Structures are given as structure tokens and as C-alpha cells.
Amino acid sequence: MTEKTEAQTEEIQTEEQTAARKPDGVLTKKFGAKTFIAEIFFNHSSRDTFQDKLLKAISSEKTE
């Protein structure tokens, strides 16, 4: 049963990888010798402005 689940998971990952798109933004932050890169994706069919999206991201960060 676990083999079937693993096969399904691999299939889903493959589908997601083929449907990859270019990120809407990239943030890079360096801490000492480590560099963290974050890719940002937005829903282009949304009616929210960039400012609305950014405020939502910041407010969700505060509540976590």
C-alpha cells in the first residue's frame, strides 16, 4: 500500500514540475555564509492589488 502511495506522490510531483512557471518576484536575503532565495507567485486572476497582497502577507506573518 505504501508503494502505491509513493507512486501517486511521485506522479503528482512530476505533474507540478511540468506545470512550472516563472516566479512573479524573487527575494534574496543573506545571513552570514548562507543565502536564502524565496520565489513569489501571485494569482493573476485575483483583483487584489500588489499592495493588498503585500499587506496580507505581512499580517499573516505577524499572527504566526
PDB file of N, CA and C in Angstrom:
ATOM      1  N   MET A   1       0.823  -1.196   0.000  1.00  0.00           N
ATOM      2  CA  MET A   1       0.000   0.000   0.000  1.00  0.00           C
ATOM      3  C   MET A   1       0.867   1.260   0.000  1.00  0.00           C
ATOM      4  N   THR A   2       1.978   1.233   0.726  1.00  0.00           N
ATOM      5  CA  THR A   2       2.841   2.413   0.732  1.00  0.00           C
ATOM      6  C   THR A   2       3.498   2.625  -0.619  1.00  0.00           C
ATOM      7  N   GLU A   3       3.757   1.550  -1.351  1.00  0.00           N
ATOM      8  CA  GLU A   3       4.345   1.696  -2.681  1.00  0.00           C
ATOM      9  C   GLU A   3       3.391   2.436  -3.607  1.00  0.00           C
ATOM     10  N   LYS A   4       2.098   2.131  -3.492  1.00  0.00           N
ATOM     11  CA  LYS A   4       1.110   2.815  -4.325  1.00  0.00           C
ATOM     12  C   LYS A   4       1.041   4.293  -3.964  1.00  0.00           C
ATOM     13  N   THR A   5       1.067   4.588  -2.683  1.00  0.00           N
ATOM     14  CA  THR A   5       1.026   5.977  -2.235  1.00  0.00           C
ATOM     15  C   THR A   5       2.258   6.723  -2.712  1.00  0.00           C
ATOM     16  N   GLU A   6       3.424   6.092  -2.621  1.00  0.00           N
ATOM     17  CA  GLU A   6       4.654   6.734  -3.087  1.00  0.00           C
ATOM     18  C   GLU A   6       4.599   6.989  -4.590  1.00  0.00           C
ATOM     19  N   ALA A   7       4.045   6.049  -5.335  1.00  0.00           N
ATOM     20  CA  ALA A   7       3.928   6.215  -6.785  1.00  0.00           C
ATOM     21  C   ALA A   7       2.991   7.372  -7.117  1.00  0.00           C
ATOM     22  N   GLN A   8       1.894   7.482  -6.373  1.00  0.00           N
ATOM     23  CA  GLN A   8       0.959   8.585  -6.605  1.00  0.00           C
ATOM     24  C   GLN A   8       1.613   9.919  -6.273  1.00  0.00           C
ATOM     25  N   THR A   9       2.388   9.954  -5.193  1.00  0.00           N
ATOM     26  CA  THR A   9       3.074  11.179  -4.798  1.00  0.00           C
ATOM     27  C   THR A   9       4.079  11.598  -5.864  1.00  0.00           C
ATOM     28  N   GLU A  10       4.836  10.638  -6.391  1.00  0.00           N
ATOM     29  CA  GLU A  10       5.801  10.940  -7.440  1.00  0.00           C
ATOM     30  C   GLU A  10       5.094  11.456  -8.692  1.00  0.00           C
ATOM     31  N   GLU A  11       3.939  10.887  -9.008  1.00  0.00           N
ATOM     32  CA  GLU A  11       3.186  11.315 -10.182  1.00  0.00           C
ATOM     33  C   GLU A  11       2.699  12.753 -10.008  1.00  0.00           C
ATOM     34  N   ILE A  12       2.221  13.079  -8.827  1.00  0.00           N
ATOM     35  CA  ILE A  12       1.747  14.443  -8.547  1.00  0.00           C
ATOM     36  C   ILE A  12       2.910  15.418  -8.639  1.00  0.00           C
ATOM     37  N   GLN A  13       4.069  15.068  -8.073  1.00  0.00           N
ATOM     38  CA  GLN A  13       5.227  15.941  -8.125  1.00  0.00           C
ATOM     39  C   GLN A  13       5.659  16.170  -9.565  1.00  0.00           C
ATOM     40  N   THR A  14       5.619  15.136 -10.384  1.00  0.00           N
ATOM     41  CA  THR A  14       6.000  15.267 -11.791  1.00  0.00           C
ATOM     42  C   THR A  14       5.052  16.217 -12.504  1.00  0.00           C
ATOM     43  N   GLU A  15       3.747  16.107 -12.236  1.00  0.00           N
ATOM     44  CA  GLU A  15       2.770  17.000 -12.861  1.00  0.00           C
ATOM     45  C   GLU A  15       3.027  18.447 -12.451  1.00  0.00           C
ATOM     46  N   GLU A  16       3.358  18.665 -11.175  1.00  0.00           N
ATOM     47  CA  GLU A  16       3.613  20.018 -10.702  1.00  0.00           C
ATOM     48  C   GLU A  16       4.882  20.575 -11.338  1.00  0.00           C
ATOM     49  N   GLN A  17       5.881  19.751 -11.506  1.00  0.00           N
ATOM     50  CA  GLN A  17       7.139  20.212 -12.079  1.00  0.00           C
ATOM     51  C   GLN A  17       6.972  20.604 -13.541  1.00  0.00           C
ATOM     52  N   THR A  18       6.160  19.874 -14.292  1.00  0.00           N
ATOM     53  CA  THR A  18       5.974  20.201 -15.701  1.00  0.00           C
ATOM     54  C   THR A  18       5.155  21.470 -15.873  1.00  0.00           C
ATOM     55  N   ALA A  19       4.329  21.804 -14.892  1.00  0.00           N
ATOM     56  CA  ALA A  19       3.482  22.981 -14.978  1.00  0.00           C
ATOM     57  C   ALA A  19       4.149  24.199 -14.330  1.00  0.00           C
ATOM     58  N   ALA A  20       5.467  24.161 -14.155  1.00  0.00           N
ATOM     59  CA  ALA A  20       6.175  25.263 -13.502  1.00  0.00           C
ATOM     60  C   ALA A  20       6.102  26.526 -14.347  1.00  0.00           C
ATOM     61  N   ARG A  21       6.036  27.635 -13.655  1.00  0.00           N
ATOM     62  CA  ARG A  21       6.021  28.912 -14.358  1.00  0.00           C
ATOM     63  C   ARG A  21       7.050  29.835 -13.712  1.00  0.00           C
ATOM     64  N   LYS A  22       7.335  30.897 -14.381  1.00  0.00           N
ATOM     65  CA  LYS A  22       8.316  31.850 -13.893  1.00  0.00           C
ATOM     66  C   LYS A  22       7.738  32.594 -12.683  1.00  0.00           C
ATOM     67  N   PRO A  23       8.531  32.788 -11.620  1.00  0.00           N
ATOM     68  CA  PRO A  23       8.010  33.485 -10.437  1.00  0.00           C
ATOM     69  C   PRO A  23       7.733  34.954 -10.735  1.00  0.00           C
ATOM     70  N   ASP A  24       6.785  35.516  -9.997  1.00  0.00           N
ATOM     71  CA  ASP A  24       6.448  36.929 -10.151  1.00  0.00           C
ATOM     72  C   ASP A  24       7.476  37.826  -9.472  1.00  0.00           C
ATOM     73  N   GLY A  25       8.194  37.273  -8.534  1.00  0.00           N
ATOM     74  CA  GLY A  25       9.240  38.035  -7.844  1.00  0.00           C
ATOM     75  C   GLY A  25      10.189  37.094  -7.145  1.00  0.00           C
ATOM     76  N   VAL A  26      11.379  37.574  -6.861  1.00  0.00           N
ATOM     77  CA  VAL A  26      12.388  36.775  -6.160  1.00  0.00           C
ATOM     78  C   VAL A  26      13.001  37.652  -5.074  1.00  0.00           C
ATOM     79  N   LEU A  27      13.021  37.128  -3.848  1.00  0.00           N
ATOM     80  CA  LEU A  27      13.657  37.832  -2.738  1.00  0.00           C
ATOM     81  C   LEU A  27      14.908  37.062  -2.347  1.00  0.00           C
ATOM     82  N   THR A  28      15.988  37.762  -2.120  1.00  0.00           N
ATOM     83  CA  THR A  28      17.241  37.146  -1.709  1.00  0.00           C
ATOM     84  C   THR A  28      17.705  37.805  -0.422  1.00  0.00           C
ATOM     85  N   LYS A  29      18.026  36.981   0.579  1.00  0.00           N
ATOM     86  CA  LYS A  29      18.490  37.504   1.860  1.00  0.00           C
ATOM     87  C   LYS A  29      19.696  36.692   2.292  1.00  0.00           C
ATOM     88  N   LYS A  30      20.752  37.361   2.672  1.00  0.00           N
ATOM     89  CA  LYS A  30      21.979  36.688   3.077  1.00  0.00           C
ATOM     90  C   LYS A  30      22.151  36.821   4.588  1.00  0.00           C
ATOM     91  N   PHE A  31      22.338  35.685   5.270  1.00  0.00           N
ATOM     92  CA  PHE A  31      22.606  35.639   6.697  1.00  0.00           C
ATOM     93  C   PHE A  31      23.950  34.951   6.884  1.00  0.00           C
ATOM     94  N   GLY A  32      24.969  35.727   7.160  1.00  0.00           N
ATOM     95  CA  GLY A  32      26.302  35.153   7.323  1.00  0.00           C
ATOM     96  C   GLY A  32      26.763  34.509   6.029  1.00  0.00           C
ATOM     97  N   ALA A  33      27.064  33.196   6.094  1.00  0.00           N
ATOM     98  CA  ALA A  33      27.545  32.476   4.917  1.00  0.00           C
ATOM     99  C   ALA A  33      26.419  31.848   4.116  1.00  0.00           C
ATOM    100  N   LYS A  34      25.179  31.956   4.613  1.00  0.00           N
ATOM    101  CA  LYS A  34      24.044  31.333   3.933  1.00  0.00           C
ATOM    102  C   LYS A  34      23.221  32.370   3.194  1.00  0.00           C
ATOM    103  N   THR A  35      22.750  32.007   2.017  1.00  0.00           N
ATOM    104  CA  THR A  35      21.887  32.866   1.223  1.00  0.00           C
ATOM    105  C   THR A  35      20.548  32.176   1.030  1.00  0.00           C
ATOM    106  N   PHE A  36      19.470  32.865   1.373  1.00  0.00           N
ATOM    107  CA  PHE A  36      18.120  32.331   1.219  1.00  0.00           C
ATOM    108  C   PHE A  36      17.454  33.020   0.033  1.00  0.00           C
ATOM    109  N   ILE A  37      16.873  32.216  -0.849  1.00  0.00           N
ATOM    110  CA  ILE A  37      16.199  32.733  -2.026  1.00  0.00           C
ATOM    111  C   ILE A  37      14.732  32.306  -1.958  1.00  0.00           C
ATOM    112  N   ALA A  38      13.833  33.273  -2.027  1.00  0.00           N
ATOM    113  CA  ALA A  38      12.392  32.984  -1.985  1.00  0.00           C
ATOM    114  C   ALA A  38      11.767  33.439  -3.297  1.00  0.00           C
ATOM    115  N   GLU A  39      11.046  32.527  -3.936  1.00  0.00           N
ATOM    116  CA  GLU A  39      10.326  32.871  -5.161  1.00  0.00           C
ATOM    117  C   GLU A  39       8.882  33.182  -4.801  1.00  0.00           C
ATOM    118  N   ILE A  40       8.336  34.251  -5.370  1.00  0.00           N
ATOM    119  CA  ILE A  40       6.986  34.702  -5.042  1.00  0.00           C
ATOM    120  C   ILE A  40       6.085  34.499  -6.249  1.00  0.00           C
ATOM    121  N   PHE A  41       4.925  33.886  -5.993  1.00  0.00           N
ATOM    122  CA  PHE A  41       3.936  33.648  -7.044  1.00  0.00           C
ATOM    123  C   PHE A  41       2.616  34.273  -6.615  1.00  0.00           C
ATOM    124  N   PHE A  42       1.961  34.951  -7.540  1.00  0.00           N
ATOM    125  CA  PHE A  42       0.660  35.554  -7.274  1.00  0.00           C
ATOM    126  C   PHE A  42      -0.380  34.974  -8.220  1.00  0.00           C
ATOM    127  N   ASN A  43      -1.628  34.994  -7.776  1.00  0.00           N
ATOM    128  CA  ASN A  43      -2.751  34.578  -8.605  1.00  0.00           C
ATOM    129  C   ASN A  43      -3.103  35.763  -9.506  1.00  0.00           C
ATOM    130  N   HIS A  44      -2.837  35.624 -10.795  1.00  0.00           N
ATOM    131  CA  HIS A  44      -3.039  36.738 -11.724  1.00  0.00           C
ATOM    132  C   HIS A  44      -4.510  37.024 -12.011  1.00  0.00           C
ATOM    133  N   SER A  45      -5.393  36.105 -11.676  1.00  0.00           N
ATOM    134  CA  SER A  45      -6.812  36.350 -11.896  1.00  0.00           C
ATOM    135  C   SER A  45      -7.463  37.062 -10.702  1.00  0.00           C
ATOM    136  N   SER A  46      -6.697  37.296  -9.651  1.00  0.00           N
ATOM    137  CA  SER A  46      -7.205  37.990  -8.473  1.00  0.00           C
ATOM    138  C   SER A  46      -7.367  39.477  -8.758  1.00  0.00           C
ATOM    139  N   ARG A  47      -8.281  40.115  -8.071  1.00  0.00           N
ATOM    140  CA  ARG A  47      -8.491  41.557  -8.255  1.00  0.00           C
ATOM    141  C   ARG A  47      -7.749  42.384  -7.213  1.00  0.00           C
ATOM    142  N   ASP A  48      -7.022  41.712  -6.304  1.00  0.00           N
ATOM    143  CA  ASP A  48      -6.242  42.427  -5.297  1.00  0.00           C
ATOM    144  C   ASP A  48      -5.050  43.114  -5.956  1.00  0.00           C
ATOM    145  N   THR A  49      -4.693  44.268  -5.427  1.00  0.00           N
ATOM    146  CA  THR A  49      -3.502  44.960  -5.910  1.00  0.00           C
ATOM    147  C   THR A  49      -2.267  44.368  -5.230  1.00  0.00           C
ATOM    148  N   PHE A  50      -1.092  44.733  -5.728  1.00  0.00           N
ATOM    149  CA  PHE A  50       0.139  44.260  -5.112  1.00  0.00           C
ATOM    150  C   PHE A  50       0.203  44.702  -3.663  1.00  0.00           C
ATOM    151  N   GLN A  51      -0.232  45.916  -3.388  1.00  0.00           N
ATOM    152  CA  GLN A  51      -0.218  46.439  -2.020  1.00  0.00           C
ATOM    153  C   GLN A  51      -1.118  45.594  -1.126  1.00  0.00           C
ATOM    154  N   ASP A  52      -2.309  45.221  -1.596  1.00  0.00           N
ATOM    155  CA  ASP A  52      -3.216  44.374  -0.831  1.00  0.00           C
ATOM    156  C   ASP A  52      -2.559  43.034  -0.507  1.00  0.00           C
ATOM    157  N   LYS A  53      -1.924  42.447  -1.516  1.00  0.00           N
ATOM    158  CA  LYS A  53      -1.270  41.148  -1.334  1.00  0.00           C
ATOM    159  C   LYS A  53      -0.124  41.246  -0.340  1.00  0.00           C
ATOM    160  N   LEU A  54       0.646  42.314  -0.439  1.00  0.00           N
ATOM    161  CA  LEU A  54       1.773  42.500   0.460  1.00  0.00           C
ATOM    162  C   LEU A  54       1.298  42.696   1.897  1.00  0.00           C
ATOM    163  N   LEU A  55       0.250  43.475   2.087  1.00  0.00           N
ATOM    164  CA  LEU A  55      -0.301  43.680   3.436  1.00  0.00           C
ATOM    165  C   LEU A  55      -0.827  42.368   4.024  1.00  0.00           C
ATOM    166  N   LYS A  56      -1.459  41.523   3.198  1.00  0.00           N
ATOM    167  CA  LYS A  56      -1.934  40.224   3.665  1.00  0.00           C
ATOM    168  C   LYS A  56      -0.774  39.346   4.098  1.00  0.00           C
ATOM    169  N   ALA A  57       0.298  39.363   3.317  1.00  0.00           N
ATOM    170  CA  ALA A  57       1.477  38.549   3.646  1.00  0.00           C
ATOM    171  C   ALA A  57       2.103  39.015   4.956  1.00  0.00           C
ATOM    172  N   ILE A  58       2.196  40.323   5.148  1.00  0.00           N
ATOM    173  CA  ILE A  58       2.789  40.860   6.371  1.00  0.00           C
ATOM    174  C   ILE A  58       1.910  40.559   7.574  1.00  0.00           C
ATOM    175  N   SER A  59       0.605  40.723   7.431  1.00  0.00           N
ATOM    176  CA  SER A  59      -0.289  40.475   8.569  1.00  0.00           C
ATOM    177  C   SER A  59      -0.326  38.993   8.932  1.00  0.00           C
ATOM    178  N   SER A  60      -0.232  38.106   7.954  1.00  0.00           N
ATOM    179  CA  SER A  60      -0.213  36.675   8.276  1.00  0.00           C
ATOM    180  C   SER A  60       1.101  36.296   8.944  1.00  0.00           C
ATOM    181  N   GLU A  61       2.167  36.995   8.607  1.00  0.00           N
ATOM    182  CA  GLU A  61       3.473  36.759   9.225  1.00  0.00           C
ATOM    183  C   GLU A  61       3.434  37.149  10.697  1.00  0.00           C
ATOM    184  N   LYS A  62       2.734  38.220  11.031  1.00  0.00           N
ATOM    185  CA  LYS A  62       2.642  38.684  12.410  1.00  0.00           C
ATOM    186  C   LYS A  62       1.840  37.720  13.278  1.00  0.00           C
ATOM    187  N   THR A  63       0.813  37.088  12.719  1.00  0.00           N
ATOM    188  CA  THR A  63      -0.055  36.216  13.505  1.00  0.00           C
ATOM    189  C   THR A  63       0.554  34.834  13.740  1.00  0.00           C
ATOM    190  N   GLU A  64       1.563  34.465  12.980  1.00  0.00           N
ATOM    191  CA  GLU A  64       2.171  33.134  13.134  1.00  0.00           C
ATOM    192  C   GLU A  64       3.123  33.054  14.262  1.00  0.00           C
TER     193      GLU A  64
END
